Amino acid sequence: MSDNPLPSGEQTIDFGYRQVPVEAKKTLVREVFDSVATRYDLMNDLMSLGIHRLWKREFIAALAPRPDRFLLDLAGGTGDITFGWLAGGGGPAILSDINAAMLGVGRDRALGRGFARGLSFLVADAERLPLPDRTVDTVTMSFGLRNCTDKAAVLREARRVLKPGGRFMVLEFSRFQVAAMVPVYDAWSFKVLPRLGRYVARDEDSYQYLAESIRMMPDQDTLAGMMRDAGLSRVKVRNLTGGIAAIHTGWRL
């Protein structure tokens, strides 16, 4: 598992278990999500056996939406976190994603659910946000950070756009903490999941990458340290389902 997602001077970076040129990763990730955009919810159901829906409920509850708070949802894709925020009484929200195809699915879902009011859409790279400093109260990222090329830049940008007293929260696959179950988890990830991707979604390669990307994601302690290095304070970690996923929280103070 990579402890330093973009080492200084390195010309390659992980794309799953492959090393690719740094400048190529965003294009490769975009191709994966172009491929899976219309089946993204199915993908998450397959990868987590549906448990991602419970994780997202826990995440939204922890956000504690309020009408006087402004949300920026990075890598928001099909909109689950943004919609949960709005349904819970949260204030205006920006649903942002680097992938236009994913954001298009999110826009269609928003219109279908009556969430157009108070919601805007932004195609943007989370590493270079086109937003002024200190403009939002809450920044979220759900199952998107592991796909970013420069994770440290994403964390710095999240802090930059937060108002003082604002909060950054990440929901992401992490390091499983139940050692006895790791072989079962690995078998599911690398033997079952790609085959399901082939037969259910007709896209084995994308599911193989996604399984590998989970293993390359910095573990809980490493990510917490990266958040502190980015200037976030009072960083806390909450494991979900034995650490298969985790919620990381940090504040701009």
C-alpha atoms as a PDB file:
ATOM      1  CA  MET A   1       0.000   0.000   0.000  1.00  0.00           C
ATOM      2  CA  SER A   2       1.372   3.376  -1.016  1.00  0.00           C
ATOM      3  CA  ASP A   3       2.361   5.588   1.911  1.00  0.00           C
ATOM      4  CA  ASN A   4       3.387   8.482  -0.355  1.00  0.00           C
ATOM      5  CA  PRO A   5       0.950   8.780  -3.255  1.00  0.00           C
ATOM      6  CA  LEU A   6       3.067  11.200  -5.325  1.00  0.00           C
ATOM      7  CA  PRO A   7       6.733  11.094  -4.256  1.00  0.00           C
ATOM      8  CA  SER A   8       8.837  14.087  -5.236  1.00  0.00           C
ATOM      9  CA  GLY A   9      10.720  13.531  -8.476  1.00  0.00           C
ATOM     10  CA  GLU A  10       8.904  10.314  -9.401  1.00  0.00           C
ATOM     11  CA  GLN A  11       7.697  10.088 -13.030  1.00  0.00           C
ATOM     12  CA  THR A  12       5.295   7.178 -12.518  1.00  0.00           C
ATOM     13  CA  ILE A  13       2.399   6.480 -10.173  1.00  0.00           C
ATOM     14  CA  ASP A  14       0.137   3.565  -9.364  1.00  0.00           C
ATOM     15  CA  PHE A  15      -2.877   2.787 -11.495  1.00  0.00           C
ATOM     16  CA  GLY A  16      -4.090  -0.208  -9.572  1.00  0.00           C
ATOM     17  CA  TYR A  17      -1.036  -2.477  -9.405  1.00  0.00           C
ATOM     18  CA  ARG A  18       0.462  -1.030 -12.594  1.00  0.00           C
ATOM     19  CA  GLN A  19       2.892   1.860 -12.710  1.00  0.00           C
ATOM     20  CA  VAL A  20       1.929   4.453 -15.315  1.00  0.00           C
ATOM     21  CA  PRO A  21       3.263   7.911 -16.231  1.00  0.00           C
ATOM     22  CA  VAL A  22       1.937  10.503 -13.795  1.00  0.00           C
ATOM     23  CA  GLU A  23       0.361  12.536 -16.589  1.00  0.00           C
ATOM     24  CA  ALA A  24      -1.497   9.454 -17.898  1.00  0.00           C
ATOM     25  CA  LYS A  25      -3.342   8.459 -14.730  1.00  0.00           C
ATOM     26  CA  LYS A  26      -6.186  10.979 -14.951  1.00  0.00           C
ATOM     27  CA  THR A  27      -6.986   9.877 -18.480  1.00  0.00           C
ATOM     28  CA  LEU A  28      -6.944   6.210 -17.485  1.00  0.00           C
ATOM     29  CA  VAL A  29      -9.172   6.839 -14.455  1.00  0.00           C
ATOM     30  CA  ARG A  30     -11.535   8.905 -16.598  1.00  0.00           C
ATOM     31  CA  GLU A  31     -11.838   6.005 -19.041  1.00  0.00           C
ATOM     32  CA  VAL A  32     -12.732   3.644 -16.190  1.00  0.00           C
ATOM     33  CA  PHE A  33     -15.509   5.903 -14.962  1.00  0.00           C
ATOM     34  CA  ASP A  34     -16.739   6.714 -18.458  1.00  0.00           C
ATOM     35  CA  SER A  35     -17.164   2.956 -18.773  1.00  0.00           C
ATOM     36  CA  VAL A  36     -18.958   2.398 -15.470  1.00  0.00           C
ATOM     37  CA  ALA A  37     -20.918   5.680 -15.133  1.00  0.00           C
ATOM     38  CA  THR A  38     -24.331   4.278 -15.961  1.00  0.00           C
ATOM     39  CA  ARG A  39     -23.679   1.240 -13.739  1.00  0.00           C
ATOM     40  CA  TYR A  40     -21.920   3.004 -10.890  1.00  0.00           C
ATOM     41  CA  ASP A  41     -24.473   2.118  -8.218  1.00  0.00           C
ATOM     42  CA  LEU A  42     -24.414  -1.496  -9.383  1.00  0.00           C
ATOM     43  CA  MET A  43     -20.617  -1.364  -9.162  1.00  0.00           C
ATOM     44  CA  ASN A  44     -20.718  -0.180  -5.567  1.00  0.00           C
ATOM     45  CA  ASP A  45     -23.288  -2.823  -4.678  1.00  0.00           C
ATOM     46  CA  LEU A  46     -21.042  -5.523  -6.133  1.00  0.00           C
ATOM     47  CA  MET A  47     -17.872  -4.206  -4.499  1.00  0.00           C
ATOM     48  CA  SER A  48     -19.412  -3.897  -1.028  1.00  0.00           C
ATOM     49  CA  LEU A  49     -22.281  -6.435  -1.178  1.00  0.00           C
ATOM     50  CA  GLY A  50     -24.596  -3.457  -0.782  1.00  0.00           C
ATOM     51  CA  ILE A  51     -23.041  -2.327   2.493  1.00  0.00           C
ATOM     52  CA  HIS A  52     -21.921   0.967   0.911  1.00  0.00           C
ATOM     53  CA  ARG A  53     -25.505   2.177   1.320  1.00  0.00           C
ATOM     54  CA  LEU A  54     -25.247   1.744   5.098  1.00  0.00           C
ATOM     55  CA  TRP A  55     -21.823   3.404   5.129  1.00  0.00           C
ATOM     56  CA  LYS A  56     -23.220   6.394   3.254  1.00  0.00           C
ATOM     57  CA  ARG A  57     -26.091   6.673   5.721  1.00  0.00           C
ATOM     58  CA  GLU A  58     -23.582   6.743   8.569  1.00  0.00           C
ATOM     59  CA  PHE A  59     -21.526   9.325   6.684  1.00  0.00           C
ATOM     60  CA  ILE A  60     -24.508  11.608   6.067  1.00  0.00           C
ATOM     61  CA  ALA A  61     -25.609  11.291   9.693  1.00  0.00           C
ATOM     62  CA  ALA A  62     -22.104  12.317  10.765  1.00  0.00           C
ATOM     63  CA  LEU A  63     -22.300  15.327   8.440  1.00  0.00           C
ATOM     64  CA  ALA A  64     -25.329  16.558  10.440  1.00  0.00           C
ATOM     65  CA  PRO A  65     -26.749  18.666   7.567  1.00  0.00           C
ATOM     66  CA  ARG A  66     -27.891  22.180   8.472  1.00  0.00           C
ATOM     67  CA  PRO A  67     -29.677  24.763   6.306  1.00  0.00           C
ATOM     68  CA  ASP A  68     -27.080  27.430   7.087  1.00  0.00           C
ATOM     69  CA  ARG A  69     -24.189  25.286   5.820  1.00  0.00           C
ATOM     70  CA  PHE A  70     -22.840  25.207   2.260  1.00  0.00           C
ATOM     71  CA  LEU A  71     -21.600  21.839   0.942  1.00  0.00           C
ATOM     72  CA  LEU A  72     -19.008  21.021  -1.712  1.00  0.00           C
ATOM     73  CA  ASP A  73     -19.185  17.319  -2.615  1.00  0.00           C
ATOM     74  CA  LEU A  74     -15.990  16.347  -4.457  1.00  0.00           C
ATOM     75  CA  ALA A  75     -15.958  13.310  -6.746  1.00  0.00           C
ATOM     76  CA  GLY A  76     -19.691  13.357  -6.059  1.00  0.00           C
ATOM     77  CA  GLY A  77     -20.499  11.327  -9.137  1.00  0.00           C
ATOM     78  CA  THR A  78     -24.076  10.085  -9.097  1.00  0.00           C
ATOM     79  CA  GLY A  79     -24.973  12.252  -6.118  1.00  0.00           C
ATOM     80  CA  ASP A  80     -25.684   9.982  -3.155  1.00  0.00           C
ATOM     81  CA  ILE A  81     -23.953  12.177  -0.573  1.00  0.00           C
ATOM     82  CA  THR A  82     -25.261  15.443  -2.003  1.00  0.00           C
ATOM     83  CA  PHE A  83     -28.811  14.108  -2.119  1.00  0.00           C
ATOM     84  CA  GLY A  84     -28.541  12.828   1.439  1.00  0.00           C
ATOM     85  CA  TRP A  85     -27.315  16.250   2.531  1.00  0.00           C
ATOM     86  CA  LEU A  86     -30.228  18.042   0.845  1.00  0.00           C
ATOM     87  CA  ALA A  87     -32.811  15.508   2.024  1.00  0.00           C
ATOM     88  CA  GLY A  88     -31.489  15.931   5.565  1.00  0.00           C
ATOM     89  CA  GLY A  89     -32.100  19.669   5.527  1.00  0.00           C
ATOM     90  CA  GLY A  90     -28.653  20.848   4.451  1.00  0.00           C
ATOM     91  CA  GLY A  91     -28.058  24.170   2.742  1.00  0.00           C
ATOM     92  CA  PRO A  92     -26.945  24.852  -0.845  1.00  0.00           C
ATOM     93  CA  ALA A  93     -24.648  22.276  -2.406  1.00  0.00           C
ATOM     94  CA  ILE A  94     -22.220  21.923  -5.282  1.00  0.00           C
ATOM     95  CA  LEU A  95     -22.032  18.434  -6.779  1.00  0.00           C
ATOM     96  CA  SER A  96     -18.594  18.243  -8.382  1.00  0.00           C
ATOM     97  CA  ASP A  97     -16.751  15.579 -10.342  1.00  0.00           C
ATOM     98  CA  ILE A  98     -13.867  15.523 -12.807  1.00  0.00           C
ATOM     99  CA  ASN A  99     -15.801  13.058 -14.956  1.00  0.00           C
ATOM    100  CA  ALA A 100     -18.576  14.649 -17.020  1.00  0.00           C
ATOM    101  CA  ALA A 101     -20.266  11.290 -17.655  1.00  0.00           C
ATOM    102  CA  MET A 102     -20.560  10.594 -13.927  1.00  0.00           C
ATOM    103  CA  LEU A 103     -21.823  14.107 -13.273  1.00  0.00           C
ATOM    104  CA  GLY A 104     -24.379  13.716 -16.053  1.00  0.00           C
ATOM    105  CA  VAL A 105     -25.818  10.681 -14.264  1.00  0.00           C
ATOM    106  CA  GLY A 106     -25.897  12.715 -11.050  1.00  0.00           C
ATOM    107  CA  ARG A 107     -27.706  15.580 -12.793  1.00  0.00           C
ATOM    108  CA  ASP A 108     -30.343  13.239 -14.220  1.00  0.00           C
ATOM    109  CA  ARG A 109     -30.873  11.663 -10.811  1.00  0.00           C
ATOM    110  CA  ALA A 110     -31.178  15.091  -9.164  1.00  0.00           C
ATOM    111  CA  LEU A 111     -33.872  16.189 -11.598  1.00  0.00           C
ATOM    112  CA  GLY A 112     -35.724  12.910 -11.141  1.00  0.00           C
ATOM    113  CA  ARG A 113     -35.714  13.339  -7.375  1.00  0.00           C
ATOM    114  CA  GLY A 114     -36.647  17.014  -7.300  1.00  0.00           C
ATOM    115  CA  PHE A 115     -33.295  18.229  -5.960  1.00  0.00           C
ATOM    116  CA  ALA A 116     -32.678  21.004  -8.518  1.00  0.00           C
ATOM    117  CA  ARG A 117     -33.273  23.814  -6.033  1.00  0.00           C
ATOM    118  CA  GLY A 118     -30.173  24.836  -4.103  1.00  0.00           C
ATOM    119  CA  LEU A 119     -27.983  22.486  -6.159  1.00  0.00           C
ATOM    120  CA  SER A 120     -25.336  23.354  -8.730  1.00  0.00           C
ATOM    121  CA  PHE A 121     -22.983  21.169 -10.755  1.00  0.00           C
ATOM    122  CA  LEU A 122     -19.282  21.604 -11.392  1.00  0.00           C
ATOM    123  CA  VAL A 123     -16.969  19.597 -13.637  1.00  0.00           C
ATOM    124  CA  ALA A 124     -13.644  20.134 -11.884  1.00  0.00           C
ATOM    125  CA  ASP A 125     -10.400  18.479 -10.900  1.00  0.00           C
ATOM    126  CA  ALA A 126     -10.301  18.169  -7.104  1.00  0.00           C
ATOM    127  CA  GLU A 127      -6.562  18.876  -7.256  1.00  0.00           C
ATOM    128  CA  ARG A 128      -7.205  22.367  -8.734  1.00  0.00           C
ATOM    129  CA  LEU A 129     -10.611  23.669  -7.751  1.00  0.00           C
ATOM    130  CA  PRO A 130     -11.929  26.768  -9.561  1.00  0.00           C
ATOM    131  CA  LEU A 131     -13.302  28.188  -6.314  1.00  0.00           C
ATOM    132  CA  PRO A 132     -12.122  31.081  -4.128  1.00  0.00           C
ATOM    133  CA  ASP A 133     -10.509  30.568  -0.748  1.00  0.00           C
ATOM    134  CA  ARG A 134     -12.742  30.162   2.310  1.00  0.00           C
ATOM    135  CA  THR A 135     -16.073  29.807   0.517  1.00  0.00           C
ATOM    136  CA  VAL A 136     -17.712  26.582   1.771  1.00  0.00           C
ATOM    137  CA  ASP A 137     -18.617  25.212   5.187  1.00  0.00           C
ATOM    138  CA  THR A 138     -18.275  21.494   4.473  1.00  0.00           C
ATOM    139  CA  VAL A 139     -16.266  19.522   1.913  1.00  0.00           C
ATOM    140  CA  THR A 140     -16.951  15.834   1.365  1.00  0.00           C
ATOM    141  CA  MET A 141     -15.406  13.104  -0.751  1.00  0.00           C
ATOM    142  CA  SER A 142     -16.931   9.646  -0.947  1.00  0.00           C
ATOM    143  CA  PHE A 143     -15.038   6.773  -2.612  1.00  0.00           C
ATOM    144  CA  GLY A 144     -13.120   9.177  -4.837  1.00  0.00           C
ATOM    145  CA  LEU A 145      -9.835  10.026  -3.170  1.00  0.00           C
ATOM    146  CA  ARG A 146      -8.135   6.748  -4.060  1.00  0.00           C
ATOM    147  CA  ASN A 147      -8.562   7.527  -7.760  1.00  0.00           C
ATOM    148  CA  CYS A 148      -6.829  10.916  -7.558  1.00  0.00           C
ATOM    149  CA  THR A 149      -3.297  11.317  -8.877  1.00  0.00           C
ATOM    150  CA  ASP A 150      -2.051  13.760  -6.229  1.00  0.00           C
ATOM    151  CA  LYS A 151      -3.973  13.019  -3.055  1.00  0.00           C
ATOM    152  CA  ALA A 152      -1.998  15.558  -1.029  1.00  0.00           C
ATOM    153  CA  ALA A 153      -3.056  18.295  -3.474  1.00  0.00           C
ATOM    154  CA  VAL A 154      -6.710  17.296  -3.026  1.00  0.00           C
ATOM    155  CA  LEU A 155      -6.373  17.610   0.740  1.00  0.00           C
ATOM    156  CA  ARG A 156      -4.723  21.028   0.435  1.00  0.00           C
ATOM    157  CA  GLU A 157      -7.443  22.234  -1.920  1.00  0.00           C
ATOM    158  CA  ALA A 158     -10.165  21.000   0.426  1.00  0.00           C
ATOM    159  CA  ARG A 159      -8.634  23.002   3.250  1.00  0.00           C
ATOM    160  CA  ARG A 160      -8.139  26.067   1.040  1.00  0.00           C
ATOM    161  CA  VAL A 161     -11.812  26.364   0.063  1.00  0.00           C
ATOM    162  CA  LEU A 162     -13.086  25.724   3.594  1.00  0.00           C
ATOM    163  CA  LYS A 163     -14.122  28.625   5.758  1.00  0.00           C
ATOM    164  CA  PRO A 164     -12.409  28.803   9.167  1.00  0.00           C
ATOM    165  CA  GLY A 165     -14.333  26.367  11.340  1.00  0.00           C
ATOM    166  CA  GLY A 166     -15.260  24.301   8.283  1.00  0.00           C
ATOM    167  CA  ARG A 167     -14.979  20.540   8.095  1.00  0.00           C
ATOM    168  CA  PHE A 168     -13.594  18.076   5.543  1.00  0.00           C
ATOM    169  CA  MET A 169     -14.908  14.512   5.609  1.00  0.00           C
ATOM    170  CA  VAL A 170     -13.743  11.534   3.542  1.00  0.00           C
ATOM    171  CA  LEU A 171     -15.504   8.188   3.179  1.00  0.00           C
ATOM    172  CA  GLU A 172     -13.176   5.718   1.507  1.00  0.00           C
ATOM    173  CA  PHE A 173     -12.219   2.067   1.331  1.00  0.00           C
ATOM    174  CA  SER A 174      -9.363   1.485   3.751  1.00  0.00           C
ATOM    175  CA  ARG A 175      -7.252  -1.204   5.449  1.00  0.00           C
ATOM    176  CA  PHE A 176      -9.296  -4.160   6.719  1.00  0.00           C
ATOM    177  CA  GLN A 177      -8.501  -4.668  10.418  1.00  0.00           C
ATOM    178  CA  VAL A 178      -9.810  -8.235  10.902  1.00  0.00           C
ATOM    179  CA  ALA A 179      -6.772 -10.365  10.064  1.00  0.00           C
ATOM    180  CA  ALA A 180      -8.603 -13.698  10.048  1.00  0.00           C
ATOM    181  CA  MET A 181     -10.970 -12.472   7.342  1.00  0.00           C
ATOM    182  CA  VAL A 182      -8.367 -10.924   5.040  1.00  0.00           C
ATOM    183  CA  PRO A 183      -8.025 -14.073   2.837  1.00  0.00           C
ATOM    184  CA  VAL A 184     -11.795 -14.113   2.304  1.00  0.00           C
ATOM    185  CA  TYR A 185     -11.803 -10.397   1.513  1.00  0.00           C
ATOM    186  CA  ASP A 186      -8.935 -10.835  -0.953  1.00  0.00           C
ATOM    187  CA  ALA A 187     -10.645 -13.757  -2.670  1.00  0.00           C
ATOM    188  CA  TRP A 188     -13.804 -11.690  -3.084  1.00  0.00           C
ATOM    189  CA  SER A 189     -11.863  -8.702  -4.427  1.00  0.00           C
ATOM    190  CA  PHE A 190      -9.596 -10.448  -6.905  1.00  0.00           C
ATOM    191  CA  LYS A 191     -11.412 -13.609  -7.912  1.00  0.00           C
ATOM    192  CA  VAL A 192     -15.136 -12.981  -7.580  1.00  0.00           C
ATOM    193  CA  LEU A 193     -15.464  -9.246  -8.241  1.00  0.00           C
ATOM    194  CA  PRO A 194     -13.748  -9.113 -11.657  1.00  0.00           C
ATOM    195  CA  ARG A 195     -15.849 -12.051 -12.833  1.00  0.00           C
ATOM    196  CA  LEU A 196     -19.002 -10.302 -11.685  1.00  0.00           C
ATOM    197  CA  GLY A 197     -17.795  -7.261 -13.553  1.00  0.00           C
ATOM    198  CA  ARG A 198     -17.418  -9.376 -16.672  1.00  0.00           C
ATOM    199  CA  TYR A 199     -20.785 -11.094 -16.511  1.00  0.00           C
ATOM    200  CA  VAL A 200     -22.984  -8.445 -14.874  1.00  0.00           C
ATOM    201  CA  ALA A 201     -21.481  -5.188 -16.107  1.00  0.00           C
ATOM    202  CA  ARG A 202     -19.499  -6.511 -19.112  1.00  0.00           C
ATOM    203  CA  ASP A 203     -16.393  -4.719 -17.846  1.00  0.00           C
ATOM    204  CA  GLU A 204     -13.899  -6.990 -16.114  1.00  0.00           C
ATOM    205  CA  ASP A 205     -10.892  -4.671 -16.489  1.00  0.00           C
ATOM    206  CA  SER A 206     -12.504  -1.728 -14.723  1.00  0.00           C
ATOM    207  CA  TYR A 207     -13.519  -3.871 -11.772  1.00  0.00           C
ATOM    208  CA  GLN A 208     -10.020  -5.326 -11.588  1.00  0.00           C
ATOM    209  CA  TYR A 209      -8.578  -1.805 -11.416  1.00  0.00           C
ATOM    210  CA  LEU A 210     -11.077  -0.743  -8.762  1.00  0.00           C
ATOM    211  CA  ALA A 211     -10.214  -3.727  -6.566  1.00  0.00           C
ATOM    212  CA  GLU A 212      -6.516  -2.958  -6.938  1.00  0.00           C
ATOM    213  CA  SER A 213      -7.028   0.751  -6.265  1.00  0.00           C
ATOM    214  CA  ILE A 214      -8.475  -0.089  -2.856  1.00  0.00           C
ATOM    215  CA  ARG A 215      -5.275  -1.900  -1.887  1.00  0.00           C
ATOM    216  CA  MET A 216      -3.145   1.033  -3.067  1.00  0.00           C
ATOM    217  CA  MET A 217      -5.080   3.549  -0.980  1.00  0.00           C
ATOM    218  CA  PRO A 218      -3.106   4.879   2.023  1.00  0.00           C
ATOM    219  CA  ASP A 219      -4.228   3.164   5.224  1.00  0.00           C
ATOM    220  CA  GLN A 220      -6.089   4.905   8.032  1.00  0.00           C
ATOM    221  CA  ASP A 221      -3.088   6.255   9.916  1.00  0.00           C
ATOM    222  CA  THR A 222      -1.269   7.341   6.769  1.00  0.00           C
ATOM    223  CA  LEU A 223      -4.268   9.259   5.442  1.00  0.00           C
ATOM    224  CA  ALA A 224      -4.799  10.895   8.832  1.00  0.00           C
ATOM    225  CA  GLY A 225      -1.168  12.033   8.743  1.00  0.00           C
ATOM    226  CA  MET A 226      -1.588  13.392   5.225  1.00  0.00           C
ATOM    227  CA  MET A 227      -4.610  15.407   6.364  1.00  0.00           C
ATOM    228  CA  ARG A 228      -2.590  16.920   9.194  1.00  0.00           C
ATOM    229  CA  ASP A 229       0.236  17.706   6.777  1.00  0.00           C
ATOM    230  CA  ALA A 230      -2.300  19.553   4.594  1.00  0.00           C
ATOM    231  CA  GLY A 231      -3.115  21.816   7.546  1.00  0.00           C
ATOM    232  CA  LEU A 232      -6.284  20.160   8.801  1.00  0.00           C
ATOM    233  CA  SER A 233      -6.783  19.949  12.559  1.00  0.00           C
ATOM    234  CA  ARG A 234      -8.510  17.632  15.038  1.00  0.00           C
ATOM    235  CA  VAL A 235      -8.247  14.759  12.567  1.00  0.00           C
ATOM    236  CA  LYS A 236     -10.226  11.681  13.568  1.00  0.00           C
ATOM    237  CA  VAL A 237     -10.769   8.250  12.003  1.00  0.00           C
ATOM    238  CA  ARG A 238     -13.807   6.010  12.372  1.00  0.00           C
ATOM    239  CA  ASN A 239     -13.601   2.495  10.970  1.00  0.00           C
ATOM    240  CA  LEU A 240     -16.643   0.914   9.340  1.00  0.00           C
ATOM    241  CA  THR A 241     -17.164  -2.856   9.009  1.00  0.00           C
ATOM    242  CA  GLY A 242     -13.802  -3.724  10.481  1.00  0.00           C
ATOM    243  CA  GLY A 243     -11.937  -1.088   8.496  1.00  0.00           C
ATOM    244  CA  ILE A 244     -13.053  -2.147   5.011  1.00  0.00           C
ATOM    245  CA  ALA A 245     -14.059   1.488   4.833  1.00  0.00           C
ATOM    246  CA  ALA A 246     -13.353   4.428   7.106  1.00  0.00           C
ATOM    247  CA  ILE A 247     -14.549   7.969   7.725  1.00  0.00           C
ATOM    248  CA  HIS A 248     -11.768  10.541   8.130  1.00  0.00           C
ATOM    249  CA  THR A 249     -12.669  13.968   9.508  1.00  0.00           C
ATOM    250  CA  GLY A 250     -10.555  17.114   9.760  1.00  0.00           C
ATOM    251  CA  TRP A 251     -11.246  20.784  10.477  1.00  0.00           C
ATOM    252  CA  ARG A 252      -9.909  24.082   9.216  1.00  0.00           C
ATOM    253  CA  LEU A 253      -9.329  26.033  12.436  1.00  0.00           C
END
